[in-house]
Amino acid sequence: MDQDERVRALLGFLAARYGEIVWWDAPADEVVIGAVLTQQTRWENVERALALLKDAGVCTVEGVDRADQAVVEAAVRCTGFYRVKTARLKRLCRRICEMGGIEGMSRLPTPALREALLAVNGVGEETADSILCYGFGRPSFVVDAYTKRICGCIGVTGSYAELKAAFERVLPEDAALYGRAHGRVVEYAKEFCVSGRCDECRMKTVCV
């Protein structure tokens, strides 16, 4: 099998296993904020931080931009590296506001929107693609640590861009499909990789 065939086999296996899951169905503002906060932490901590930002009345791009730094730091402290993440959130939200907010950025074509996100210090490819796919509904596949690990187990290797391209060649160009596919990869990794169930993992036989 070549790499595309392996990715296709993986996606078929995961679709049969998990079905039509819904993954990160949230307003664009929350996705923007959550995509930064999820760096190097568990999703449960991100959910707690988002709830605290809502309690403080600043869980929007404009809210974070206007909020006192100490208010944001207190809310996101539970995600770790809270000073770094607050600085990144502030920079990103300021940039989005300068570009007309979520509505203004939504008018940009996908390549320009991705470039604008990546130009913000602290926003890497995974964060940008998460915002694109889940926040703006753009067909931009997310390659996270789980995806890289699962791909390695089926013999698919390469840079971020190469793995992203492999999934985008195999899948129809549709953000919802991308989101479901990525969500299934994460669910499988959480079920087997995180819990140390390597002996039960099917990945090594999926592409045989």
N, C-alpha and C. Protein backbone atom coordinates (compact mmCIF):
# COMPACT_ATOMS: atom_id res chain seq x y z
N MET A 1 0.83 -1.20 0.00
CA MET A 1 0.00 0.00 0.00
C MET A 1 0.87 1.26 0.00
N ASP A 2 0.47 2.27 -0.78
CA ASP A 2 1.16 3.55 -0.67
C ASP A 2 0.53 4.34 0.48
N GLN A 3 1.06 5.53 0.74
CA GLN A 3 0.61 6.29 1.91
C GLN A 3 -0.86 6.68 1.81
N ASP A 4 -1.32 7.08 0.64
CA ASP A 4 -2.72 7.46 0.49
C ASP A 4 -3.64 6.27 0.75
N GLU A 5 -3.27 5.10 0.28
CA GLU A 5 -4.08 3.90 0.51
C GLU A 5 -4.12 3.57 2.00
N ARG A 6 -3.02 3.78 2.70
CA ARG A 6 -2.98 3.52 4.14
C ARG A 6 -3.89 4.50 4.89
N VAL A 7 -3.83 5.76 4.49
CA VAL A 7 -4.71 6.75 5.12
C VAL A 7 -6.17 6.42 4.83
N ARG A 8 -6.47 6.01 3.62
CA ARG A 8 -7.84 5.64 3.26
C ARG A 8 -8.32 4.44 4.09
N ALA A 9 -7.45 3.47 4.28
CA ALA A 9 -7.81 2.30 5.10
C ALA A 9 -8.03 2.71 6.55
N LEU A 10 -7.19 3.59 7.05
CA LEU A 10 -7.36 4.08 8.42
C LEU A 10 -8.70 4.78 8.60
N LEU A 11 -9.02 5.67 7.69
CA LEU A 11 -10.26 6.42 7.80
C LEU A 11 -11.48 5.51 7.69
N GLY A 12 -11.42 4.52 6.83
CA GLY A 12 -12.52 3.58 6.72
C GLY A 12 -12.73 2.79 8.00
N PHE A 13 -11.63 2.33 8.59
CA PHE A 13 -11.69 1.59 9.85
C PHE A 13 -12.30 2.45 10.96
N LEU A 14 -11.85 3.69 11.08
CA LEU A 14 -12.33 4.57 12.14
C LEU A 14 -13.78 4.99 11.93
N ALA A 15 -14.18 5.18 10.67
CA ALA A 15 -15.57 5.54 10.38
C ALA A 15 -16.50 4.40 10.78
N ALA A 16 -16.09 3.17 10.51
CA ALA A 16 -16.90 2.01 10.89
C ALA A 16 -16.97 1.87 12.41
N ARG A 17 -15.90 2.24 13.09
CA ARG A 17 -15.84 2.07 14.54
C ARG A 17 -16.64 3.14 15.29
N TYR A 18 -16.55 4.41 14.84
CA TYR A 18 -17.12 5.51 15.61
C TYR A 18 -18.33 6.18 14.96
N GLY A 19 -18.57 5.94 13.68
CA GLY A 19 -19.75 6.49 13.05
C GLY A 19 -19.75 8.00 12.92
N GLU A 20 -20.94 8.58 12.89
CA GLU A 20 -21.10 10.01 12.62
C GLU A 20 -20.96 10.84 13.89
N ILE A 21 -19.76 10.95 14.39
CA ILE A 21 -19.53 11.73 15.60
C ILE A 21 -19.55 13.22 15.29
N VAL A 22 -19.87 14.01 16.33
CA VAL A 22 -19.80 15.47 16.24
C VAL A 22 -18.58 15.90 17.04
N TRP A 23 -17.75 16.73 16.42
CA TRP A 23 -16.48 17.08 17.07
C TRP A 23 -16.31 18.59 17.11
N TRP A 24 -16.22 19.13 18.29
CA TRP A 24 -15.99 20.56 18.55
C TRP A 24 -17.01 21.44 17.84
N ASP A 25 -18.26 21.31 18.26
CA ASP A 25 -19.34 22.13 17.73
C ASP A 25 -19.50 23.32 18.66
N ALA A 26 -18.87 24.44 18.34
CA ALA A 26 -18.86 25.61 19.21
C ALA A 26 -18.80 26.87 18.37
N PRO A 27 -19.20 28.02 18.93
CA PRO A 27 -19.07 29.28 18.20
C PRO A 27 -17.62 29.56 17.83
N ALA A 28 -17.42 30.33 16.76
CA ALA A 28 -16.07 30.61 16.28
C ALA A 28 -15.19 31.25 17.35
N ASP A 29 -15.77 32.15 18.16
CA ASP A 29 -14.99 32.79 19.22
C ASP A 29 -14.41 31.76 20.17
N GLU A 30 -15.23 30.81 20.57
CA GLU A 30 -14.77 29.78 21.51
C GLU A 30 -13.71 28.89 20.88
N VAL A 31 -13.87 28.62 19.61
CA VAL A 31 -12.86 27.79 18.93
C VAL A 31 -11.52 28.52 18.88
N VAL A 32 -11.55 29.79 18.55
CA VAL A 32 -10.32 30.58 18.52
C VAL A 32 -9.62 30.52 19.87
N ILE A 33 -10.36 30.77 20.93
CA ILE A 33 -9.79 30.77 22.28
C ILE A 33 -9.34 29.37 22.67
N GLY A 34 -10.19 28.39 22.43
CA GLY A 34 -9.88 27.01 22.82
C GLY A 34 -8.70 26.44 22.08
N ALA A 35 -8.52 26.84 20.82
CA ALA A 35 -7.40 26.33 20.03
C ALA A 35 -6.06 26.74 20.61
N VAL A 36 -6.01 27.91 21.22
CA VAL A 36 -4.79 28.35 21.89
C VAL A 36 -4.64 27.66 23.25
N LEU A 37 -5.72 27.59 23.98
CA LEU A 37 -5.65 27.02 25.33
C LEU A 37 -5.34 25.53 25.34
N THR A 38 -5.71 24.82 24.28
CA THR A 38 -5.52 23.37 24.26
C THR A 38 -4.07 22.96 24.05
N GLN A 39 -3.21 23.92 23.76
CA GLN A 39 -1.80 23.61 23.59
C GLN A 39 -1.22 23.07 24.89
N GLN A 40 -0.68 21.86 24.83
CA GLN A 40 0.02 21.22 25.95
C GLN A 40 -0.84 21.06 27.21
N THR A 41 -2.10 20.70 27.01
CA THR A 41 -2.95 20.41 28.17
C THR A 41 -4.09 19.50 27.76
N ARG A 42 -4.84 19.00 28.74
CA ARG A 42 -5.99 18.15 28.46
C ARG A 42 -7.22 19.01 28.16
N TRP A 43 -8.13 18.43 27.37
CA TRP A 43 -9.32 19.18 26.97
C TRP A 43 -10.18 19.55 28.18
N GLU A 44 -10.18 18.73 29.20
CA GLU A 44 -10.97 19.03 30.39
C GLU A 44 -10.55 20.36 31.00
N ASN A 45 -9.25 20.66 30.96
CA ASN A 45 -8.77 21.93 31.49
C ASN A 45 -9.22 23.10 30.63
N VAL A 46 -9.28 22.87 29.31
CA VAL A 46 -9.74 23.91 28.40
C VAL A 46 -11.22 24.23 28.68
N GLU A 47 -12.02 23.20 28.87
CA GLU A 47 -13.44 23.40 29.16
C GLU A 47 -13.63 24.21 30.44
N ARG A 48 -12.81 23.92 31.43
CA ARG A 48 -12.89 24.67 32.69
C ARG A 48 -12.51 26.13 32.47
N ALA A 49 -11.45 26.36 31.70
CA ALA A 49 -11.03 27.74 31.42
C ALA A 49 -12.09 28.50 30.63
N LEU A 50 -12.70 27.85 29.65
CA LEU A 50 -13.75 28.51 28.87
C LEU A 50 -14.93 28.89 29.76
N ALA A 51 -15.27 28.00 30.69
CA ALA A 51 -16.36 28.30 31.62
C ALA A 51 -16.02 29.50 32.50
N LEU A 52 -14.77 29.58 32.94
CA LEU A 52 -14.35 30.71 33.78
C LEU A 52 -14.33 32.01 32.98
N LEU A 53 -13.92 31.94 31.71
CA LEU A 53 -13.95 33.12 30.86
C LEU A 53 -15.39 33.59 30.64
N LYS A 54 -16.31 32.62 30.49
CA LYS A 54 -17.73 32.98 30.36
C LYS A 54 -18.24 33.63 31.63
N ASP A 55 -17.87 33.08 32.77
CA ASP A 55 -18.29 33.67 34.04
C ASP A 55 -17.79 35.10 34.18
N ALA A 56 -16.59 35.35 33.62
CA ALA A 56 -16.02 36.70 33.68
C ALA A 56 -16.57 37.61 32.59
N GLY A 57 -17.38 37.03 31.68
CA GLY A 57 -17.98 37.82 30.62
C GLY A 57 -17.03 38.20 29.50
N VAL A 58 -15.97 37.39 29.32
CA VAL A 58 -14.97 37.75 28.29
C VAL A 58 -14.65 36.59 27.35
N CYS A 59 -15.58 35.65 27.16
CA CYS A 59 -15.30 34.49 26.33
C CYS A 59 -15.65 34.75 24.87
N THR A 60 -15.15 35.85 24.35
CA THR A 60 -15.25 36.18 22.93
C THR A 60 -13.92 36.80 22.52
N VAL A 61 -13.72 36.89 21.22
CA VAL A 61 -12.49 37.52 20.73
C VAL A 61 -12.40 38.96 21.23
N GLU A 62 -13.49 39.70 21.10
CA GLU A 62 -13.50 41.09 21.56
C GLU A 62 -13.36 41.17 23.08
N GLY A 63 -13.97 40.21 23.77
CA GLY A 63 -13.89 40.21 25.23
C GLY A 63 -12.48 40.01 25.73
N VAL A 64 -11.78 39.05 25.14
CA VAL A 64 -10.38 38.80 25.53
C VAL A 64 -9.51 40.00 25.19
N ASP A 65 -9.77 40.59 24.04
CA ASP A 65 -8.98 41.75 23.62
C ASP A 65 -9.13 42.91 24.61
N ARG A 66 -10.36 43.14 25.09
CA ARG A 66 -10.61 44.26 25.99
C ARG A 66 -10.25 43.95 27.44
N ALA A 67 -10.27 42.70 27.81
CA ALA A 67 -10.13 42.31 29.22
C ALA A 67 -8.76 42.65 29.78
N ASP A 68 -8.75 42.93 31.06
CA ASP A 68 -7.48 43.10 31.76
C ASP A 68 -6.71 41.78 31.73
N GLN A 69 -5.41 41.88 31.57
CA GLN A 69 -4.59 40.68 31.47
C GLN A 69 -4.76 39.77 32.68
N ALA A 70 -4.88 40.34 33.86
CA ALA A 70 -5.00 39.54 35.08
C ALA A 70 -6.28 38.72 35.09
N VAL A 71 -7.35 39.27 34.49
CA VAL A 71 -8.63 38.54 34.43
C VAL A 71 -8.49 37.30 33.56
N VAL A 72 -7.84 37.47 32.40
CA VAL A 72 -7.65 36.33 31.50
C VAL A 72 -6.71 35.31 32.13
N GLU A 73 -5.63 35.78 32.73
CA GLU A 73 -4.67 34.86 33.37
C GLU A 73 -5.34 34.02 34.44
N ALA A 74 -6.20 34.62 35.24
CA ALA A 74 -6.87 33.89 36.31
C ALA A 74 -7.77 32.80 35.75
N ALA A 75 -8.44 33.10 34.63
CA ALA A 75 -9.36 32.14 34.04
C ALA A 75 -8.64 30.98 33.37
N VAL A 76 -7.51 31.24 32.75
CA VAL A 76 -6.83 30.20 31.98
C VAL A 76 -5.70 29.52 32.75
N ARG A 77 -5.51 29.89 33.98
CA ARG A 77 -4.42 29.33 34.80
C ARG A 77 -4.46 27.81 34.83
N CYS A 78 -5.68 27.23 34.82
CA CYS A 78 -5.84 25.78 34.93
C CYS A 78 -5.32 25.03 33.70
N THR A 79 -5.03 25.73 32.61
CA THR A 79 -4.54 25.06 31.40
C THR A 79 -3.02 24.98 31.36
N GLY A 80 -2.34 25.57 32.34
CA GLY A 80 -0.89 25.55 32.36
C GLY A 80 -0.30 26.62 31.44
N PHE A 81 0.93 27.03 31.74
CA PHE A 81 1.61 28.06 30.94
C PHE A 81 0.68 29.26 30.73
N TYR A 82 -0.02 29.64 31.81
CA TYR A 82 -1.12 30.58 31.66
C TYR A 82 -0.67 31.98 31.24
N ARG A 83 0.53 32.39 31.64
CA ARG A 83 1.01 33.70 31.21
C ARG A 83 1.32 33.70 29.71
N VAL A 84 1.97 32.62 29.26
CA VAL A 84 2.28 32.49 27.83
C VAL A 84 0.99 32.43 27.02
N LYS A 85 0.03 31.64 27.47
CA LYS A 85 -1.22 31.48 26.73
C LYS A 85 -2.03 32.77 26.73
N THR A 86 -2.01 33.50 27.83
CA THR A 86 -2.71 34.78 27.86
C THR A 86 -2.11 35.74 26.86
N ALA A 87 -0.79 35.78 26.80
CA ALA A 87 -0.12 36.66 25.83
C ALA A 87 -0.47 36.27 24.40
N ARG A 88 -0.49 34.96 24.13
CA ARG A 88 -0.85 34.49 22.79
C ARG A 88 -2.29 34.83 22.46
N LEU A 89 -3.18 34.62 23.42
CA LEU A 89 -4.59 34.95 23.19
C LEU A 89 -4.78 36.42 22.92
N LYS A 90 -4.10 37.23 23.70
CA LYS A 90 -4.22 38.68 23.53
C LYS A 90 -3.74 39.10 22.13
N ARG A 91 -2.60 38.56 21.70
CA ARG A 91 -2.08 38.90 20.37
C ARG A 91 -3.03 38.46 19.27
N LEU A 92 -3.53 37.22 19.39
CA LEU A 92 -4.41 36.68 18.36
C LEU A 92 -5.73 37.45 18.30
N CYS A 93 -6.32 37.70 19.45
CA CYS A 93 -7.60 38.40 19.48
C CYS A 93 -7.46 39.84 19.01
N ARG A 94 -6.33 40.49 19.33
CA ARG A 94 -6.07 41.85 18.85
C ARG A 94 -5.99 41.86 17.33
N ARG A 95 -5.29 40.87 16.79
CA ARG A 95 -5.14 40.79 15.33
C ARG A 95 -6.47 40.56 14.65
N ILE A 96 -7.27 39.66 15.22
CA ILE A 96 -8.59 39.39 14.63
C ILE A 96 -9.46 40.64 14.68
N CYS A 97 -9.42 41.37 15.79
CA CYS A 97 -10.20 42.61 15.90
C CYS A 97 -9.73 43.63 14.88
N GLU A 98 -8.43 43.72 14.66
CA GLU A 98 -7.88 44.65 13.68
C GLU A 98 -8.36 44.32 12.27
N MET A 99 -8.67 43.05 12.04
CA MET A 99 -9.10 42.60 10.71
C MET A 99 -10.62 42.53 10.57
N GLY A 100 -11.31 43.17 11.50
CA GLY A 100 -12.77 43.22 11.40
C GLY A 100 -13.50 42.16 12.18
N GLY A 101 -12.81 41.54 13.13
CA GLY A 101 -13.44 40.52 13.95
C GLY A 101 -13.65 39.21 13.19
N ILE A 102 -14.41 38.33 13.80
CA ILE A 102 -14.71 37.03 13.18
C ILE A 102 -15.38 37.24 11.82
N GLU A 103 -16.31 38.19 11.77
CA GLU A 103 -17.04 38.44 10.52
C GLU A 103 -16.09 38.91 9.43
N GLY A 104 -15.19 39.81 9.78
CA GLY A 104 -14.25 40.33 8.80
C GLY A 104 -13.31 39.26 8.29
N MET A 105 -12.79 38.45 9.20
CA MET A 105 -11.86 37.39 8.78
C MET A 105 -12.56 36.31 7.97
N SER A 106 -13.85 36.11 8.23
CA SER A 106 -14.59 35.06 7.52
C SER A 106 -14.74 35.37 6.03
N ARG A 107 -14.49 36.62 5.66
CA ARG A 107 -14.61 36.98 4.25
C ARG A 107 -13.32 36.68 3.48
N LEU A 108 -12.26 36.34 4.19
CA LEU A 108 -10.99 36.04 3.52
C LEU A 108 -11.02 34.65 2.90
N PRO A 109 -10.39 34.45 1.76
CA PRO A 109 -10.23 33.09 1.23
C PRO A 109 -9.35 32.28 2.18
N THR A 110 -9.52 30.98 2.15
CA THR A 110 -8.84 30.11 3.12
C THR A 110 -7.32 30.29 3.17
N PRO A 111 -6.61 30.34 2.03
CA PRO A 111 -5.15 30.51 2.11
C PRO A 111 -4.75 31.81 2.81
N ALA A 112 -5.47 32.91 2.53
CA ALA A 112 -5.16 34.19 3.16
C ALA A 112 -5.50 34.17 4.64
N LEU A 113 -6.59 33.51 4.98
CA LEU A 113 -6.99 33.40 6.38
C LEU A 113 -5.97 32.59 7.17
N ARG A 114 -5.51 31.50 6.60
CA ARG A 114 -4.50 30.66 7.26
C ARG A 114 -3.19 31.45 7.43
N GLU A 115 -2.82 32.18 6.41
CA GLU A 115 -1.59 32.97 6.48
C GLU A 115 -1.70 34.04 7.57
N ALA A 116 -2.86 34.67 7.69
CA ALA A 116 -3.06 35.70 8.71
C ALA A 116 -2.96 35.11 10.12
N LEU A 117 -3.50 33.92 10.31
CA LEU A 117 -3.43 33.27 11.62
C LEU A 117 -1.99 32.87 11.94
N LEU A 118 -1.29 32.30 10.98
CA LEU A 118 0.08 31.86 11.21
C LEU A 118 1.04 33.02 11.44
N ALA A 119 0.65 34.22 11.01
CA ALA A 119 1.51 35.39 11.20
C ALA A 119 1.52 35.87 12.65
N VAL A 120 0.59 35.36 13.46
CA VAL A 120 0.52 35.75 14.88
C VAL A 120 1.49 34.89 15.68
N ASN A 121 2.37 35.51 16.40
CA ASN A 121 3.34 34.79 17.24
C ASN A 121 2.62 33.89 18.23
N GLY A 122 2.94 32.59 18.21
CA GLY A 122 2.31 31.64 19.11
C GLY A 122 1.24 30.79 18.46
N VAL A 123 0.89 31.12 17.21
CA VAL A 123 -0.10 30.33 16.46
C VAL A 123 0.65 29.47 15.45
N GLY A 124 0.67 28.17 15.70
CA GLY A 124 1.32 27.23 14.79
C GLY A 124 0.31 26.62 13.84
N GLU A 125 0.78 25.67 13.06
CA GLU A 125 -0.08 25.08 12.04
C GLU A 125 -1.28 24.34 12.62
N GLU A 126 -1.06 23.58 13.68
CA GLU A 126 -2.18 22.85 14.28
C GLU A 126 -3.24 23.81 14.81
N THR A 127 -2.81 24.85 15.50
CA THR A 127 -3.75 25.84 16.04
C THR A 127 -4.49 26.54 14.91
N ALA A 128 -3.77 26.95 13.88
CA ALA A 128 -4.41 27.64 12.75
C ALA A 128 -5.42 26.74 12.05
N ASP A 129 -5.06 25.49 11.82
CA ASP A 129 -5.97 24.58 11.13
C ASP A 129 -7.18 24.24 11.98
N SER A 130 -7.01 24.16 13.29
CA SER A 130 -8.15 23.94 14.18
C SER A 130 -9.14 25.10 14.08
N ILE A 131 -8.61 26.32 14.08
CA ILE A 131 -9.47 27.50 13.96
C ILE A 131 -10.16 27.51 12.59
N LEU A 132 -9.42 27.20 11.55
CA LEU A 132 -9.99 27.18 10.21
C LEU A 132 -11.11 26.16 10.08
N CYS A 133 -10.82 24.92 10.51
CA CYS A 133 -11.77 23.82 10.32
C CYS A 133 -12.99 23.96 11.22
N TYR A 134 -12.75 24.17 12.52
CA TYR A 134 -13.85 24.15 13.48
C TYR A 134 -14.48 25.52 13.73
N GLY A 135 -13.70 26.57 13.55
CA GLY A 135 -14.24 27.90 13.79
C GLY A 135 -14.84 28.55 12.56
N PHE A 136 -14.17 28.39 11.42
CA PHE A 136 -14.61 29.05 10.19
C PHE A 136 -15.20 28.08 9.16
N GLY A 137 -15.24 26.79 9.48
CA GLY A 137 -15.84 25.82 8.57
C GLY A 137 -15.10 25.69 7.26
N ARG A 138 -13.75 25.77 7.32
CA ARG A 138 -12.94 25.65 6.11
C ARG A 138 -12.33 24.24 6.04
N PRO A 139 -12.23 23.68 4.84
CA PRO A 139 -11.64 22.35 4.69
C PRO A 139 -10.12 22.41 4.85
N SER A 140 -9.67 22.40 6.08
CA SER A 140 -8.24 22.43 6.39
C SER A 140 -8.00 21.38 7.47
N PHE A 141 -7.39 20.26 7.10
CA PHE A 141 -7.28 19.13 8.02
C PHE A 141 -6.29 19.43 9.14
N VAL A 142 -6.65 19.03 10.36
CA VAL A 142 -5.82 19.26 11.54
C VAL A 142 -4.93 18.04 11.80
N VAL A 143 -3.65 18.27 11.93
CA VAL A 143 -2.71 17.21 12.26
C VAL A 143 -2.17 17.49 13.66
N ASP A 144 -2.64 16.74 14.64
CA ASP A 144 -2.15 16.93 16.01
C ASP A 144 -1.24 15.77 16.40
N ALA A 145 -0.83 15.75 17.67
CA ALA A 145 0.08 14.70 18.13
C ALA A 145 -0.56 13.32 18.01
N TYR A 146 -1.86 13.22 18.25
CA TYR A 146 -2.55 11.95 18.11
C TYR A 146 -2.50 11.46 16.66
N THR A 147 -2.75 12.38 15.73
CA THR A 147 -2.72 12.02 14.31
C THR A 147 -1.35 11.53 13.89
N LYS A 148 -0.31 12.23 14.33
CA LYS A 148 1.06 11.82 14.00
C LYS A 148 1.36 10.43 14.56
N ARG A 149 0.91 10.18 15.79
CA ARG A 149 1.18 8.88 16.42
C ARG A 149 0.48 7.76 15.68
N ILE A 150 -0.81 7.96 15.38
CA ILE A 150 -1.57 6.93 14.68
C ILE A 150 -1.00 6.70 13.28
N CYS A 151 -0.64 7.78 12.60
CA CYS A 151 -0.05 7.64 11.27
C CYS A 151 1.24 6.84 11.33
N GLY A 152 2.06 7.09 12.34
CA GLY A 152 3.30 6.34 12.49
C GLY A 152 3.04 4.85 12.64
N CYS A 153 1.97 4.51 13.34
CA CYS A 153 1.64 3.10 13.57
C CYS A 153 1.19 2.39 12.30
N ILE A 154 0.69 3.14 11.30
CA ILE A 154 0.26 2.50 10.05
C ILE A 154 1.29 2.73 8.94
N GLY A 155 2.45 3.26 9.31
CA GLY A 155 3.51 3.42 8.33
C GLY A 155 3.40 4.64 7.45
N VAL A 156 2.69 5.65 7.95
CA VAL A 156 2.57 6.91 7.20
C VAL A 156 3.37 7.97 7.95
N THR A 157 4.40 8.48 7.32
CA THR A 157 5.27 9.45 7.97
C THR A 157 5.45 10.69 7.10
N GLY A 158 6.00 11.73 7.71
CA GLY A 158 6.25 12.95 6.95
C GLY A 158 6.11 14.17 7.83
N SER A 159 6.31 15.33 7.25
CA SER A 159 6.16 16.59 7.96
C SER A 159 4.68 16.88 8.20
N TYR A 160 4.42 17.94 8.95
CA TYR A 160 3.03 18.36 9.16
C TYR A 160 2.33 18.55 7.81
N ALA A 161 2.98 19.30 6.93
CA ALA A 161 2.37 19.60 5.63
C ALA A 161 2.12 18.33 4.81
N GLU A 162 3.04 17.37 4.89
CA GLU A 162 2.88 16.13 4.12
C GLU A 162 1.73 15.28 4.66
N LEU A 163 1.61 15.20 5.98
CA LEU A 163 0.50 14.43 6.56
C LEU A 163 -0.83 15.12 6.28
N LYS A 164 -0.87 16.42 6.41
CA LYS A 164 -2.08 17.18 6.11
C LYS A 164 -2.52 16.95 4.67
N ALA A 165 -1.55 17.01 3.75
CA ALA A 165 -1.86 16.81 2.33
C ALA A 165 -2.38 15.41 2.06
N ALA A 166 -1.85 14.41 2.76
CA ALA A 166 -2.29 13.03 2.55
C ALA A 166 -3.77 12.87 2.91
N PHE A 167 -4.17 13.41 4.05
CA PHE A 167 -5.58 13.33 4.45
C PHE A 167 -6.47 14.12 3.50
N GLU A 168 -5.99 15.28 3.06
CA GLU A 168 -6.81 16.12 2.18
C GLU A 168 -6.92 15.54 0.77
N ARG A 169 -5.95 14.73 0.36
CA ARG A 169 -6.08 14.04 -0.94
C ARG A 169 -7.13 12.94 -0.89
N VAL A 170 -7.23 12.28 0.26
CA VAL A 170 -8.11 11.12 0.39
C VAL A 170 -9.55 11.54 0.67
N LEU A 171 -9.73 12.59 1.46
CA LEU A 171 -11.08 13.01 1.86
C LEU A 171 -11.68 14.00 0.86
N PRO A 172 -13.01 13.97 0.68
CA PRO A 172 -13.66 15.03 -0.10
C PRO A 172 -13.41 16.37 0.58
N GLU A 173 -13.35 17.44 -0.19
CA GLU A 173 -13.02 18.76 0.36
C GLU A 173 -14.23 19.34 1.09
N ASP A 174 -14.37 18.96 2.35
CA ASP A 174 -15.52 19.36 3.15
C ASP A 174 -15.10 19.48 4.60
N ALA A 175 -15.30 20.64 5.21
CA ALA A 175 -14.84 20.88 6.57
C ALA A 175 -15.48 19.93 7.58
N ALA A 176 -16.78 19.64 7.40
CA ALA A 176 -17.46 18.75 8.34
C ALA A 176 -16.86 17.35 8.29
N LEU A 177 -16.54 16.88 7.08
CA LEU A 177 -15.91 15.56 6.93
C LEU A 177 -14.51 15.57 7.56
N TYR A 178 -13.78 16.64 7.34
CA TYR A 178 -12.45 16.76 7.95
C TYR A 178 -12.56 16.70 9.47
N GLY A 179 -13.51 17.44 10.00
CA GLY A 179 -13.68 17.47 11.45
C GLY A 179 -14.03 16.12 12.03
N ARG A 180 -14.95 15.41 11.36
CA ARG A 180 -15.32 14.08 11.85
C ARG A 180 -14.15 13.12 11.77
N ALA A 181 -13.41 13.18 10.67
CA ALA A 181 -12.26 12.29 10.50
C ALA A 181 -11.21 12.54 11.57
N HIS A 182 -10.91 13.81 11.81
CA HIS A 182 -9.94 14.15 12.85
C HIS A 182 -10.45 13.72 14.21
N GLY A 183 -11.73 13.94 14.47
CA GLY A 183 -12.31 13.55 15.75
C GLY A 183 -12.21 12.05 16.00
N ARG A 184 -12.41 11.26 14.96
CA ARG A 184 -12.31 9.80 15.12
C ARG A 184 -10.88 9.39 15.43
N VAL A 185 -9.90 10.04 14.80
CA VAL A 185 -8.50 9.75 15.11
C VAL A 185 -8.22 10.03 16.58
N VAL A 186 -8.69 11.17 17.06
CA VAL A 186 -8.47 11.54 18.46
C VAL A 186 -9.16 10.56 19.40
N GLU A 187 -10.39 10.18 19.07
CA GLU A 187 -11.11 9.24 19.94
C GLU A 187 -10.37 7.91 20.04
N TYR A 188 -9.85 7.43 18.92
CA TYR A 188 -9.13 6.16 18.94
C TYR A 188 -7.85 6.28 19.77
N ALA A 189 -7.13 7.39 19.57
CA ALA A 189 -5.89 7.59 20.32
C ALA A 189 -6.17 7.70 21.82
N LYS A 190 -7.23 8.38 22.18
CA LYS A 190 -7.58 8.50 23.61
C LYS A 190 -7.96 7.15 24.19
N GLU A 191 -8.58 6.31 23.37
CA GLU A 191 -9.01 5.00 23.84
C GLU A 191 -7.85 4.04 24.02
N PHE A 192 -6.87 4.11 23.12
CA PHE A 192 -5.79 3.12 23.14
C PHE A 192 -4.43 3.70 23.51
N CYS A 193 -4.03 4.80 22.88
CA CYS A 193 -2.68 5.33 23.12
C CYS A 193 -2.54 5.89 24.53
N VAL A 194 -3.49 6.72 24.94
CA VAL A 194 -3.39 7.37 26.24
C VAL A 194 -3.51 6.37 27.38
N SER A 195 -4.31 5.34 27.20
CA SER A 195 -4.54 4.36 28.27
C SER A 195 -3.56 3.19 28.21
N GLY A 196 -2.57 3.26 27.34
CA GLY A 196 -1.54 2.23 27.28
C GLY A 196 -2.02 0.86 26.85
N ARG A 197 -2.97 0.82 25.92
CA ARG A 197 -3.53 -0.45 25.45
C ARG A 197 -2.91 -0.86 24.11
N CYS A 198 -1.61 -0.70 24.00
CA CYS A 198 -0.93 -0.98 22.73
C CYS A 198 -1.13 -2.42 22.25
N ASP A 199 -1.19 -3.36 23.18
CA ASP A 199 -1.34 -4.77 22.80
C ASP A 199 -2.69 -5.05 22.14
N GLU A 200 -3.70 -4.20 22.44
CA GLU A 200 -5.03 -4.38 21.87
C GLU A 200 -5.23 -3.55 20.59
N CYS A 201 -4.29 -2.66 20.28
CA CYS A 201 -4.46 -1.73 19.18
C CYS A 201 -4.53 -2.45 17.84
N ARG A 202 -5.43 -2.00 16.97
CA ARG A 202 -5.64 -2.61 15.65
C ARG A 202 -4.82 -1.93 14.55
N MET A 203 -4.13 -0.85 14.89
CA MET A 203 -3.48 -0.06 13.85
C MET A 203 -2.50 -0.86 12.99
N LYS A 204 -1.77 -1.75 13.61
CA LYS A 204 -0.75 -2.48 12.86
C LYS A 204 -1.35 -3.48 11.87
N THR A 205 -2.65 -3.77 12.01
CA THR A 205 -3.30 -4.70 11.09
C THR A 205 -4.25 -4.01 10.12
N VAL A 206 -4.51 -2.73 10.32
CA VAL A 206 -5.46 -2.03 9.47
C VAL A 206 -5.03 -2.01 8.02
N CYS A 207 -3.72 -1.87 7.79
CA CYS A 207 -3.22 -1.73 6.42
C CYS A 207 -2.57 -3.01 5.89
N VAL A 208 -2.83 -4.13 6.52
CA VAL A 208 -2.25 -5.41 6.05
C VAL A 208 -3.10 -5.96 4.91
